Amino acid sequence: MILDAAIETGFALNRLRPMEFGGDMGTKAVTLTLSSLMDGEAEIRTGLIGEPIAFFNGQN
């Protein structure tokens, strides 16, 4: 659940740009970015219907 929200947040903020999708980030860079997002750089909360909603620096 937290991983899903971190992935959605990373793509929404253009912080995840995997080479598989034409971006400039390899596996290590993507993993480090996701780890950073999950370690508290993004505050991840659950919405009313149980879907993850990620807030990055107090904004969504």
PDB file of N, CA and C in Angstrom:
ATOM      1  N   MET A   1       0.826  -1.182   0.000  1.00  0.00           N
ATOM      2  CA  MET A   1       0.000   0.000   0.000  1.00  0.00           C
ATOM      3  C   MET A   1       0.873   1.251   0.000  1.00  0.00           C
ATOM      4  N   ILE A   2       1.866   1.318   0.871  1.00  0.00           N
ATOM      5  CA  ILE A   2       2.758   2.472   0.906  1.00  0.00           C
ATOM      6  C   ILE A   2       3.593   2.524  -0.365  1.00  0.00           C
ATOM      7  N   LEU A   3       4.034   1.371  -0.844  1.00  0.00           N
ATOM      8  CA  LEU A   3       4.818   1.329  -2.078  1.00  0.00           C
ATOM      9  C   LEU A   3       3.993   1.849  -3.259  1.00  0.00           C
ATOM     10  N   ASP A   4       2.738   1.440  -3.340  1.00  0.00           N
ATOM     11  CA  ASP A   4       1.863   1.922  -4.424  1.00  0.00           C
ATOM     12  C   ASP A   4       1.744   3.437  -4.413  1.00  0.00           C
ATOM     13  N   ALA A   5       1.542   4.009  -3.230  1.00  0.00           N
ATOM     14  CA  ALA A   5       1.413   5.459  -3.115  1.00  0.00           C
ATOM     15  C   ALA A   5       2.723   6.155  -3.468  1.00  0.00           C
ATOM     16  N   ALA A   6       3.854   5.572  -3.073  1.00  0.00           N
ATOM     17  CA  ALA A   6       5.159   6.163  -3.405  1.00  0.00           C
ATOM     18  C   ALA A   6       5.386   6.145  -4.912  1.00  0.00           C
ATOM     19  N   ILE A   7       4.979   5.069  -5.567  1.00  0.00           N
ATOM     20  CA  ILE A   7       5.125   4.975  -7.025  1.00  0.00           C
ATOM     21  C   ILE A   7       4.254   6.025  -7.707  1.00  0.00           C
ATOM     22  N   GLU A   8       3.002   6.122  -7.277  1.00  0.00           N
ATOM     23  CA  GLU A   8       2.099   7.119  -7.872  1.00  0.00           C
ATOM     24  C   GLU A   8       2.635   8.535  -7.657  1.00  0.00           C
ATOM     25  N   THR A   9       3.118   8.813  -6.461  1.00  0.00           N
ATOM     26  CA  THR A   9       3.672  10.132  -6.151  1.00  0.00           C
ATOM     27  C   THR A   9       4.910  10.411  -6.993  1.00  0.00           C
ATOM     28  N   GLY A  10       5.785   9.425  -7.095  1.00  0.00           N
ATOM     29  CA  GLY A  10       7.014   9.592  -7.871  1.00  0.00           C
ATOM     30  C   GLY A  10       6.747   9.921  -9.325  1.00  0.00           C
ATOM     31  N   PHE A  11       5.790   9.223  -9.920  1.00  0.00           N
ATOM     32  CA  PHE A  11       5.448   9.511 -11.314  1.00  0.00           C
ATOM     33  C   PHE A  11       4.743  10.863 -11.445  1.00  0.00           C
ATOM     34  N   ALA A  12       3.847  11.167 -10.512  1.00  0.00           N
ATOM     35  CA  ALA A  12       3.103  12.429 -10.572  1.00  0.00           C
ATOM     36  C   ALA A  12       4.027  13.634 -10.456  1.00  0.00           C
ATOM     37  N   LEU A  13       5.081  13.502  -9.667  1.00  0.00           N
ATOM     38  CA  LEU A  13       6.021  14.606  -9.473  1.00  0.00           C
ATOM     39  C   LEU A  13       7.220  14.536 -10.414  1.00  0.00           C
ATOM     40  N   ASN A  14       7.180  13.596 -11.346  1.00  0.00           N
ATOM     41  CA  ASN A  14       8.265  13.386 -12.307  1.00  0.00           C
ATOM     42  C   ASN A  14       9.589  13.064 -11.620  1.00  0.00           C
ATOM     43  N   ARG A  15       9.516  12.429 -10.458  1.00  0.00           N
ATOM     44  CA  ARG A  15      10.729  12.007  -9.761  1.00  0.00           C
ATOM     45  C   ARG A  15      11.117  10.587 -10.150  1.00  0.00           C
ATOM     46  N   LEU A  16      10.193   9.847 -10.767  1.00  0.00           N
ATOM     47  CA  LEU A  16      10.487   8.513 -11.284  1.00  0.00           C
ATOM     48  C   LEU A  16      10.460   8.584 -12.804  1.00  0.00           C
ATOM     49  N   ARG A  17      11.614   8.300 -13.408  1.00  0.00           N
ATOM     50  CA  ARG A  17      11.744   8.340 -14.863  1.00  0.00           C
ATOM     51  C   ARG A  17      12.536   7.109 -15.320  1.00  0.00           C
ATOM     52  N   PRO A  18      11.930   5.912 -15.200  1.00  0.00           N
ATOM     53  CA  PRO A  18      12.661   4.690 -15.536  1.00  0.00           C
ATOM     54  C   PRO A  18      13.011   4.604 -17.023  1.00  0.00           C
ATOM     55  N   MET A  19      14.165   4.036 -17.300  1.00  0.00           N
ATOM     56  CA  MET A  19      14.620   3.861 -18.683  1.00  0.00           C
ATOM     57  C   MET A  19      13.634   3.038 -19.501  1.00  0.00           C
ATOM     58  N   GLU A  20      12.930   2.116 -18.855  1.00  0.00           N
ATOM     59  CA  GLU A  20      11.966   1.275 -19.560  1.00  0.00           C
ATOM     60  C   GLU A  20      10.835   2.083 -20.177  1.00  0.00           C
ATOM     61  N   PHE A  21      10.618   3.284 -19.639  1.00  0.00           N
ATOM     62  CA  PHE A  21       9.575   4.174 -20.162  1.00  0.00           C
ATOM     63  C   PHE A  21      10.172   5.384 -20.863  1.00  0.00           C
ATOM     64  N   GLY A  22      11.428   5.270 -21.278  1.00  0.00           N
ATOM     65  CA  GLY A  22      12.087   6.345 -22.012  1.00  0.00           C
ATOM     66  C   GLY A  22      12.750   7.394 -21.136  1.00  0.00           C
ATOM     67  N   GLY A  23      12.851   7.128 -19.849  1.00  0.00           N
ATOM     68  CA  GLY A  23      13.456   8.090 -18.926  1.00  0.00           C
ATOM     69  C   GLY A  23      14.956   7.923 -18.804  1.00  0.00           C
ATOM     70  N   ASP A  24      15.521   8.614 -17.826  1.00  0.00           N
ATOM     71  CA  ASP A  24      16.969   8.628 -17.644  1.00  0.00           C
ATOM     72  C   ASP A  24      17.432   7.898 -16.385  1.00  0.00           C
ATOM     73  N   MET A  25      16.535   7.165 -15.705  1.00  0.00           N
ATOM     74  CA  MET A  25      16.875   6.529 -14.433  1.00  0.00           C
ATOM     75  C   MET A  25      16.963   5.010 -14.571  1.00  0.00           C
ATOM     76  N   GLY A  26      18.065   4.466 -14.068  1.00  0.00           N
ATOM     77  CA  GLY A  26      18.228   3.023 -14.015  1.00  0.00           C
ATOM     78  C   GLY A  26      17.578   2.454 -12.761  1.00  0.00           C
ATOM     79  N   THR A  27      17.745   1.155 -12.570  1.00  0.00           N
ATOM     80  CA  THR A  27      17.115   0.458 -11.444  1.00  0.00           C
ATOM     81  C   THR A  27      17.553   1.024 -10.101  1.00  0.00           C
ATOM     82  N   LYS A  28      18.849   1.293  -9.950  1.00  0.00           N
ATOM     83  CA  LYS A  28      19.365   1.806  -8.674  1.00  0.00           C
ATOM     84  C   LYS A  28      18.766   3.175  -8.354  1.00  0.00           C
ATOM     85  N   ALA A  29      18.716   4.059  -9.326  1.00  0.00           N
ATOM     86  CA  ALA A  29      18.170   5.399  -9.101  1.00  0.00           C
ATOM     87  C   ALA A  29      16.681   5.347  -8.766  1.00  0.00           C
ATOM     88  N   VAL A  30      15.943   4.491  -9.452  1.00  0.00           N
ATOM     89  CA  VAL A  30      14.507   4.351  -9.178  1.00  0.00           C
ATOM     90  C   VAL A  30      14.308   3.815  -7.756  1.00  0.00           C
ATOM     91  N   THR A  31      15.090   2.806  -7.381  1.00  0.00           N
ATOM     92  CA  THR A  31      14.986   2.216  -6.047  1.00  0.00           C
ATOM     93  C   THR A  31      15.309   3.231  -4.965  1.00  0.00           C
ATOM     94  N   LEU A  32      16.364   4.009  -5.148  1.00  0.00           N
ATOM     95  CA  LEU A  32      16.733   5.029  -4.160  1.00  0.00           C
ATOM     96  C   LEU A  32      15.654   6.103  -4.033  1.00  0.00           C
ATOM     97  N   THR A  33      15.055   6.493  -5.153  1.00  0.00           N
ATOM     98  CA  THR A  33      13.989   7.491  -5.121  1.00  0.00           C
ATOM     99  C   THR A  33      12.772   6.948  -4.389  1.00  0.00           C
ATOM    100  N   LEU A  34      12.375   5.715  -4.688  1.00  0.00           N
ATOM    101  CA  LEU A  34      11.229   5.108  -3.998  1.00  0.00           C
ATOM    102  C   LEU A  34      11.497   4.977  -2.508  1.00  0.00           C
ATOM    103  N   SER A  35      12.705   4.581  -2.149  1.00  0.00           N
ATOM    104  CA  SER A  35      13.074   4.455  -0.748  1.00  0.00           C
ATOM    105  C   SER A  35      12.973   5.803  -0.043  1.00  0.00           C
ATOM    106  N   SER A  36      13.446   6.843  -0.701  1.00  0.00           N
ATOM    107  CA  SER A  36      13.370   8.191  -0.152  1.00  0.00           C
ATOM    108  C   SER A  36      11.920   8.616   0.054  1.00  0.00           C
ATOM    109  N   LEU A  37      11.074   8.336  -0.917  1.00  0.00           N
ATOM    110  CA  LEU A  37       9.663   8.690  -0.803  1.00  0.00           C
ATOM    111  C   LEU A  37       8.993   7.933   0.335  1.00  0.00           C
ATOM    112  N   MET A  38       9.337   6.670   0.506  1.00  0.00           N
ATOM    113  CA  MET A  38       8.705   5.866   1.550  1.00  0.00           C
ATOM    114  C   MET A  38       9.265   6.175   2.931  1.00  0.00           C
ATOM    115  N   ASP A  39      10.484   6.712   3.004  1.00  0.00           N
ATOM    116  CA  ASP A  39      11.112   6.998   4.300  1.00  0.00           C
ATOM    117  C   ASP A  39      10.657   8.302   4.923  1.00  0.00           C
ATOM    118  N   GLY A  40       9.636   8.924   4.366  1.00  0.00           N
ATOM    119  CA  GLY A  40       9.091  10.090   5.022  1.00  0.00           C
ATOM    120  C   GLY A  40       9.201  11.362   4.226  1.00  0.00           C
ATOM    121  N   GLU A  41       9.915  11.340   3.117  1.00  0.00           N
ATOM    122  CA  GLU A  41       9.953  12.537   2.302  1.00  0.00           C
ATOM    123  C   GLU A  41       8.556  12.824   1.781  1.00  0.00           C
ATOM    124  N   ALA A  42       7.785  11.793   1.565  1.00  0.00           N
ATOM    125  CA  ALA A  42       6.366  11.943   1.205  1.00  0.00           C
ATOM    126  C   ALA A  42       5.552  11.375   2.358  1.00  0.00           C
ATOM    127  N   GLU A  43       4.580  12.121   2.816  1.00  0.00           N
ATOM    128  CA  GLU A  43       3.684  11.637   3.856  1.00  0.00           C
ATOM    129  C   GLU A  43       2.539  10.931   3.161  1.00  0.00           C
ATOM    130  N   ILE A  44       2.388   9.647   3.445  1.00  0.00           N
ATOM    131  CA  ILE A  44       1.401   8.853   2.731  1.00  0.00           C
ATOM    132  C   ILE A  44       0.237   8.537   3.661  1.00  0.00           C
ATOM    133  N   ARG A  45      -0.941   8.838   3.192  1.00  0.00           N
ATOM    134  CA  ARG A  45      -2.156   8.644   3.979  1.00  0.00           C
ATOM    135  C   ARG A  45      -3.143   7.799   3.184  1.00  0.00           C
ATOM    136  N   THR A  46      -4.146   7.293   3.869  1.00  0.00           N
ATOM    137  CA  THR A  46      -5.182   6.514   3.205  1.00  0.00           C
ATOM    138  C   THR A  46      -6.442   7.346   3.090  1.00  0.00           C
ATOM    139  N   GLY A  47      -7.024   7.367   1.893  1.00  0.00           N
ATOM    140  CA  GLY A  47      -8.245   8.128   1.656  1.00  0.00           C
ATOM    141  C   GLY A  47      -9.469   7.430   2.221  1.00  0.00           C
ATOM    142  N   LEU A  48     -10.598   8.037   2.046  1.00  0.00           N
ATOM    143  CA  LEU A  48     -11.841   7.527   2.604  1.00  0.00           C
ATOM    144  C   LEU A  48     -12.249   6.186   2.027  1.00  0.00           C
ATOM    145  N   ILE A  49     -11.896   5.903   0.784  1.00  0.00           N
ATOM    146  CA  ILE A  49     -12.310   4.639   0.178  1.00  0.00           C
ATOM    147  C   ILE A  49     -11.182   3.605   0.205  1.00  0.00           C
ATOM    148  N   GLY A  50     -10.153   3.865   1.007  1.00  0.00           N
ATOM    149  CA  GLY A  50      -9.075   2.912   1.164  1.00  0.00           C
ATOM    150  C   GLY A  50      -7.980   3.022   0.128  1.00  0.00           C
ATOM    151  N   GLU A  51      -8.111   3.950  -0.793  1.00  0.00           N
ATOM    152  CA  GLU A  51      -7.069   4.137  -1.792  1.00  0.00           C
ATOM    153  C   GLU A  51      -5.972   5.025  -1.222  1.00  0.00           C
ATOM    154  N   PRO A  52      -4.715   4.734  -1.525  1.00  0.00           N
ATOM    155  CA  PRO A  52      -3.638   5.569  -0.997  1.00  0.00           C
ATOM    156  C   PRO A  52      -3.651   6.951  -1.645  1.00  0.00           C
ATOM    157  N   ILE A  53      -3.461   7.956  -0.812  1.00  0.00           N
ATOM    158  CA  ILE A  53      -3.319   9.327  -1.294  1.00  0.00           C
ATOM    159  C   ILE A  53      -1.986   9.826  -0.751  1.00  0.00           C
ATOM    160  N   ALA A  54      -1.118  10.279  -1.611  1.00  0.00           N
ATOM    161  CA  ALA A  54       0.192  10.722  -1.167  1.00  0.00           C
ATOM    162  C   ALA A  54       0.241  12.234  -1.167  1.00  0.00           C
ATOM    163  N   PHE A  55       0.770  12.777  -0.106  1.00  0.00           N
ATOM    164  CA  PHE A  55       0.963  14.215   0.010  1.00  0.00           C
ATOM    165  C   PHE A  55       2.464  14.462   0.054  1.00  0.00           C
ATOM    166  N   PHE A  56       2.960  15.254  -0.841  1.00  0.00           N
ATOM    167  CA  PHE A  56       4.386  15.542  -0.896  1.00  0.00           C
ATOM    168  C   PHE A  56       4.594  16.947  -0.368  1.00  0.00           C
ATOM    169  N   ASN A  57       5.308  17.057   0.743  1.00  0.00           N
ATOM    170  CA  ASN A  57       5.559  18.348   1.374  1.00  0.00           C
ATOM    171  C   ASN A  57       4.262  19.116   1.645  1.00  0.00           C
ATOM    172  N   GLY A  58       3.239  18.399   2.089  1.00  0.00           N
ATOM    173  CA  GLY A  58       1.990  19.032   2.469  1.00  0.00           C
ATOM    174  C   GLY A  58       1.054  19.344   1.319  1.00  0.00           C
ATOM    175  N   GLN A  59       1.432  18.969   0.103  1.00  0.00           N
ATOM    176  CA  GLN A  59       0.587  19.216  -1.059  1.00  0.00           C
ATOM    177  C   GLN A  59       0.309  17.891  -1.752  1.00  0.00           C
ATOM    178  N   ASN A  60      -0.811  17.805  -2.447  1.00  0.00           N
ATOM    179  CA  ASN A  60      -1.022  16.577  -3.221  1.00  0.00           C
ATOM    180  C   ASN A  60      -1.114  16.890  -4.680  1.00  0.00           C
TER     181      ASN A  60
END
